[in-house]
């Protein structure tokens, strides 16, 4: 697995798309800090970008890498190597390379502007940590979709639809349900619905860490009472881990039964 992981990692790090992803976040960090000249405002702006763009990039790269490396994967499958080793190695290599581009792309400008000596260093670390989680989650989900669809066009279509549902449509349905049933106590429902969407869960964690949950009104108070506690933080990060583990288990199961 380590050899496959290293090959996937170095192969992606030589890709011009990885450089483009790195340069995008690098320029974005410098531009935001130059325009705002305020680390707090820059982190808040980055939150809105990361929780939408990072899942999209993870989804697109996950599907692209599976289809583009399919012939090489079939070559590996002909060798005495376990299927789970091949796919897990590719998944980890892809996810780590994308996460590294994110961390370095945003880390360099913020280090240059003195984030290490700032009181909001933990807020920035939380932002980067959540971005890496979202990368791993959506790469795993994209790999699942690609494994289930031999047709490349269908695979891309389903992957983009999955991202669109979690990033946009889910929030719309959630908001409509809150408006329709506003006469009923929806505290537990709100927490339950948030946990089952990694994008919403990541956004809430960052908002609470930035201590601007008051902008969310009563709902923000409910989230802070739960996610603001030690138990809530452990539960939320555990749910993000499960969003990685369950798709990985399905990848292993699907790959072991798939006829390539």
Protein backbone atom coordinates (compact mmCIF):
# COMPACT_ATOMS: atom_id res chain seq x y z
CA UNK A 1 0.00 0.00 0.00
CA UNK A 2 2.85 2.39 0.84
CA UNK A 3 4.38 1.93 -2.62
CA UNK A 4 1.04 2.56 -4.36
CA UNK A 5 0.38 5.53 -2.07
CA UNK A 6 3.80 7.03 -2.87
CA UNK A 7 3.30 6.51 -6.61
CA UNK A 8 -0.16 8.12 -6.54
CA UNK A 9 1.12 10.97 -4.39
CA UNK A 10 4.16 11.77 -6.56
CA UNK A 11 2.14 11.31 -9.75
CA UNK A 12 -0.41 13.87 -8.56
CA UNK A 13 2.20 16.27 -7.22
CA UNK A 14 3.71 16.37 -10.74
CA UNK A 15 0.32 17.13 -12.23
CA UNK A 16 -0.32 20.68 -13.44
CA UNK A 17 -3.76 20.53 -11.81
CA UNK A 18 -2.17 20.07 -8.39
CA UNK A 19 0.03 23.10 -9.03
CA UNK A 20 -3.01 25.07 -10.20
CA UNK A 21 -4.90 24.10 -7.03
CA UNK A 22 -1.93 25.13 -4.88
CA UNK A 23 -1.40 28.44 -6.74
CA UNK A 24 -5.12 29.25 -6.51
CA UNK A 25 -5.14 29.04 -2.71
CA UNK A 26 -1.77 30.78 -2.51
CA UNK A 27 -3.01 33.77 -4.53
CA UNK A 28 -6.36 33.73 -2.75
CA UNK A 29 -4.66 33.94 0.64
CA UNK A 30 -2.41 36.84 -0.40
CA UNK A 31 -5.27 38.73 -2.08
CA UNK A 32 -7.63 38.36 0.90
CA UNK A 33 -4.97 39.46 3.36
CA UNK A 34 -3.94 42.37 1.12
CA UNK A 35 -7.52 43.60 0.71
CA UNK A 36 -8.65 43.06 4.31
CA UNK A 37 -5.36 43.51 6.15
CA UNK A 38 -7.18 41.66 8.93
CA UNK A 39 -6.65 37.99 9.76
CA UNK A 40 -10.13 37.58 11.31
CA UNK A 41 -12.00 38.83 8.25
CA UNK A 42 -9.77 36.80 5.92
CA UNK A 43 -10.54 33.58 7.82
CA UNK A 44 -14.29 34.27 7.74
CA UNK A 45 -14.13 34.83 3.98
CA UNK A 46 -12.05 31.68 3.51
CA UNK A 47 -14.61 29.65 5.45
CA UNK A 48 -17.29 30.38 2.85
CA UNK A 49 -14.91 29.41 0.05
CA UNK A 50 -13.46 26.27 1.61
CA UNK A 51 -16.75 24.61 2.61
CA UNK A 52 -17.96 24.93 -1.00
CA UNK A 53 -14.85 24.74 -3.17
CA UNK A 54 -12.90 22.03 -1.31
CA UNK A 55 -15.68 19.41 -1.65
CA UNK A 56 -16.05 20.30 -5.35
CA UNK A 57 -12.31 19.90 -6.01
CA UNK A 58 -12.21 16.63 -4.06
CA UNK A 59 -15.20 15.32 -6.03
CA UNK A 60 -13.83 16.27 -9.45
CA UNK A 61 -10.29 15.05 -8.75
CA UNK A 62 -11.58 11.79 -7.25
CA UNK A 63 -13.64 10.92 -10.33
CA UNK A 64 -10.95 12.13 -12.76
CA UNK A 65 -8.18 10.18 -11.09
CA UNK A 66 -10.16 6.93 -11.02
CA UNK A 67 -11.06 7.05 -14.72
CA UNK A 68 -7.66 8.34 -15.90
CA UNK A 69 -5.73 5.68 -13.95
CA UNK A 70 -8.08 2.83 -14.81
CA UNK A 71 -5.63 1.07 -17.16
CA UNK A 72 -2.85 1.29 -14.58
CA UNK A 73 -5.25 -0.02 -11.92
CA UNK A 74 -6.11 -3.01 -14.12
CA UNK A 75 -2.40 -3.68 -14.52
CA UNK A 76 -1.98 -3.68 -10.74
CA UNK A 77 -5.00 -5.98 -10.35
CA UNK A 78 -3.20 -8.55 -12.52
CA UNK A 79 -0.39 -8.67 -9.95
CA UNK A 80 -0.46 -10.60 -6.65
CA UNK A 81 -1.66 -7.53 -4.73
CA UNK A 82 -4.81 -7.27 -2.66
CA UNK A 83 -7.52 -5.12 -4.23
CA UNK A 84 -8.10 -3.23 -0.99
CA UNK A 85 -4.39 -2.33 -0.92
CA UNK A 86 -4.56 -0.85 -4.42
CA UNK A 87 -7.65 1.30 -3.94
CA UNK A 88 -6.85 2.44 -0.42
CA UNK A 89 -3.34 3.40 -1.53
CA UNK A 90 -4.72 5.43 -4.43
CA UNK A 91 -7.33 7.08 -2.22
CA UNK A 92 -4.84 8.09 0.47
CA UNK A 93 -2.30 9.34 -2.08
CA UNK A 94 -4.90 11.50 -3.83
CA UNK A 95 -6.41 12.86 -0.62
CA UNK A 96 -3.05 13.67 0.96
CA UNK A 97 -1.79 15.47 -2.16
CA UNK A 98 -4.92 17.65 -2.38
CA UNK A 99 -4.83 18.36 1.36
CA UNK A 100 -1.16 19.30 1.13
CA UNK A 101 -1.90 21.76 -1.69
CA UNK A 102 -4.60 23.32 0.50
CA UNK A 103 -2.42 23.51 3.62
CA UNK A 104 0.62 24.95 1.84
CA UNK A 105 -1.41 27.26 -0.39
CA UNK A 106 -3.12 28.93 2.56
CA UNK A 107 -0.36 28.39 5.11
CA UNK A 108 2.34 30.36 3.27
CA UNK A 109 0.48 33.70 3.01
CA UNK A 110 -0.88 33.46 6.55
CA UNK A 111 2.57 32.62 7.94
CA UNK A 112 3.92 35.59 6.02
CA UNK A 113 1.31 37.83 7.68
CA UNK A 114 2.22 36.55 11.16
CA UNK A 115 -0.54 34.05 11.98
CA UNK A 116 1.83 32.24 14.38
CA UNK A 117 1.92 35.30 16.64
CA UNK A 118 -1.81 35.93 16.41
CA UNK A 119 -4.47 35.04 18.97
CA UNK A 120 -6.56 33.39 16.25
CA UNK A 121 -4.03 30.71 15.32
CA UNK A 122 -6.44 28.01 16.57
CA UNK A 123 -9.20 29.37 14.32
CA UNK A 124 -6.91 29.06 11.31
CA UNK A 125 -5.85 25.53 12.28
CA UNK A 126 -9.52 24.55 12.63
CA UNK A 127 -10.23 25.96 9.17
CA UNK A 128 -7.37 23.99 7.59
CA UNK A 129 -8.28 20.86 9.53
CA UNK A 130 -11.90 21.00 8.38
CA UNK A 131 -10.78 21.61 4.78
CA UNK A 132 -8.60 18.48 4.91
CA UNK A 133 -11.51 16.47 6.34
CA UNK A 134 -13.80 17.62 3.53
CA UNK A 135 -11.15 16.67 0.97
CA UNK A 136 -10.89 13.10 2.31
CA UNK A 137 -14.69 12.77 2.57
CA UNK A 138 -15.53 13.89 -0.95
CA UNK A 139 -12.66 12.01 -2.59
CA UNK A 140 -14.01 8.85 -0.91
CA UNK A 141 -17.58 9.60 -2.06
CA UNK A 142 -16.39 10.35 -5.60
CA UNK A 143 -14.42 7.09 -5.72
CA UNK A 144 -17.56 5.22 -4.70
CA UNK A 145 -19.53 6.81 -7.52
CA UNK A 146 -16.81 6.11 -10.09
CA UNK A 147 -16.52 2.48 -8.99
CA UNK A 148 -20.26 2.04 -9.45
CA UNK A 149 -20.37 3.57 -12.96
CA UNK A 150 -18.30 2.33 -15.87
CA UNK A 151 -19.58 5.16 -18.05
CA UNK A 152 -17.36 8.19 -17.47
CA UNK A 153 -20.05 10.73 -18.34
CA UNK A 154 -22.51 9.17 -15.91
CA UNK A 155 -19.85 9.02 -13.23
CA UNK A 156 -19.03 12.72 -13.60
CA UNK A 157 -22.71 13.63 -13.70
CA UNK A 158 -23.60 11.69 -10.55
CA UNK A 159 -20.53 13.04 -8.72
CA UNK A 160 -21.37 16.67 -9.52
CA UNK A 161 -25.01 16.04 -8.59
CA UNK A 162 -23.86 14.59 -5.24
CA UNK A 163 -21.75 17.69 -4.53
CA UNK A 164 -24.57 20.00 -5.62
CA UNK A 165 -27.03 18.24 -3.33
CA UNK A 166 -24.80 18.43 -0.26
CA UNK A 167 -23.50 21.96 -0.86
CA UNK A 168 -26.67 23.70 -2.08
CA UNK A 169 -29.86 21.64 -2.35
CA UNK A 170 -29.62 20.11 1.13
CA UNK A 171 -29.49 23.57 2.73
CA UNK A 172 -32.53 24.65 0.72
CA UNK A 173 -34.57 21.63 1.78
CA UNK A 174 -33.43 22.12 5.37
CA UNK A 175 -34.49 25.77 5.35
CA UNK A 176 -37.87 24.96 3.78
CA UNK A 177 -38.55 22.31 6.42
CA UNK A 178 -37.74 24.80 9.19
CA UNK A 179 -40.13 27.36 7.68
CA UNK A 180 -42.94 24.87 7.14
CA UNK A 181 -42.72 23.36 10.62
CA UNK A 182 -41.77 26.50 12.54
CA UNK A 183 -44.66 25.92 14.98
CA UNK A 184 -42.99 22.75 16.24
CA UNK A 185 -39.86 22.33 18.38
CA UNK A 186 -37.11 21.62 15.88
CA UNK A 187 -34.03 21.68 18.09
CA UNK A 188 -33.27 17.98 17.84
CA UNK A 189 -34.22 17.88 14.17
CA UNK A 190 -31.78 20.72 13.39
CA UNK A 191 -28.91 18.95 15.11
CA UNK A 192 -29.81 15.65 13.46
CA UNK A 193 -30.07 17.18 9.98
CA UNK A 194 -26.77 19.03 10.36
CA UNK A 195 -24.82 15.94 11.40
CA UNK A 196 -25.90 14.09 8.24
CA UNK A 197 -24.30 16.62 5.91
CA UNK A 198 -20.50 17.00 6.23
CA UNK A 199 -20.59 20.42 4.54
CA UNK A 200 -23.09 21.85 7.03
CA UNK A 201 -21.34 20.19 9.95
CA UNK A 202 -17.99 21.67 8.90
CA UNK A 203 -19.53 25.12 8.48
CA UNK A 204 -21.09 25.00 11.96
CA UNK A 205 -17.80 23.92 13.56
CA UNK A 206 -15.93 26.84 11.97
CA UNK A 207 -18.66 29.35 12.88
CA UNK A 208 -18.60 28.25 16.50
CA UNK A 209 -14.82 28.40 16.60
CA UNK A 210 -14.93 31.95 15.21
CA UNK A 211 -17.49 32.80 17.92
CA UNK A 212 -19.94 34.36 15.46
CA UNK A 213 -22.75 31.86 15.99
CA UNK A 214 -24.84 34.72 17.41
CA UNK A 215 -25.45 35.77 13.80
CA UNK A 216 -27.49 32.56 13.41
CA UNK A 217 -30.00 33.59 16.06
CA UNK A 218 -31.80 30.95 18.10
CA UNK A 219 -30.49 28.13 15.91
CA UNK A 220 -26.96 29.28 16.59
CA UNK A 221 -27.62 29.15 20.33
CA UNK A 222 -28.88 25.56 20.00
CA UNK A 223 -25.80 24.55 18.00
CA UNK A 224 -23.50 26.25 20.48
CA UNK A 225 -25.10 24.42 23.41
CA UNK A 226 -24.29 21.11 21.73
CA UNK A 227 -21.27 21.59 19.45
CA UNK A 228 -19.66 24.09 21.79
CA UNK A 229 -19.18 21.44 24.49
CA UNK A 230 -16.36 18.90 24.65
CA UNK A 231 -18.85 16.11 23.98
CA UNK A 232 -20.27 17.99 21.01
CA UNK A 233 -16.83 18.56 19.48
CA UNK A 234 -15.89 14.90 19.93
CA UNK A 235 -19.24 13.81 18.47
CA UNK A 236 -18.93 16.14 15.46
CA UNK A 237 -15.37 15.12 14.59
CA UNK A 238 -16.38 11.49 15.10
CA UNK A 239 -19.17 11.98 12.56
CA UNK A 240 -16.68 13.50 10.10
CA UNK A 241 -14.48 10.44 10.62
CA UNK A 242 -17.45 8.17 9.94
CA UNK A 243 -18.07 10.08 6.71
CA UNK A 244 -14.60 8.88 5.68
CA UNK A 245 -14.72 5.37 7.11
CA UNK A 246 -18.07 4.23 5.70
CA UNK A 247 -17.31 5.23 2.08
CA UNK A 248 -13.90 3.54 2.43
CA UNK A 249 -15.51 0.33 3.63
CA UNK A 250 -17.83 0.44 0.63
CA UNK A 251 -14.85 1.02 -1.69
CA UNK A 252 -13.16 -2.09 -0.33
CA UNK A 253 -16.36 -4.13 -0.56
CA UNK A 254 -17.23 -2.88 -4.06
CA UNK A 255 -13.70 -3.37 -5.38
CA UNK A 256 -13.50 -6.93 -4.02
CA UNK A 257 -16.64 -7.93 -5.95
CA UNK A 258 -16.24 -5.84 -9.11
CA UNK A 259 -15.32 -7.56 -12.35
CA UNK A 260 -12.68 -5.39 -13.98
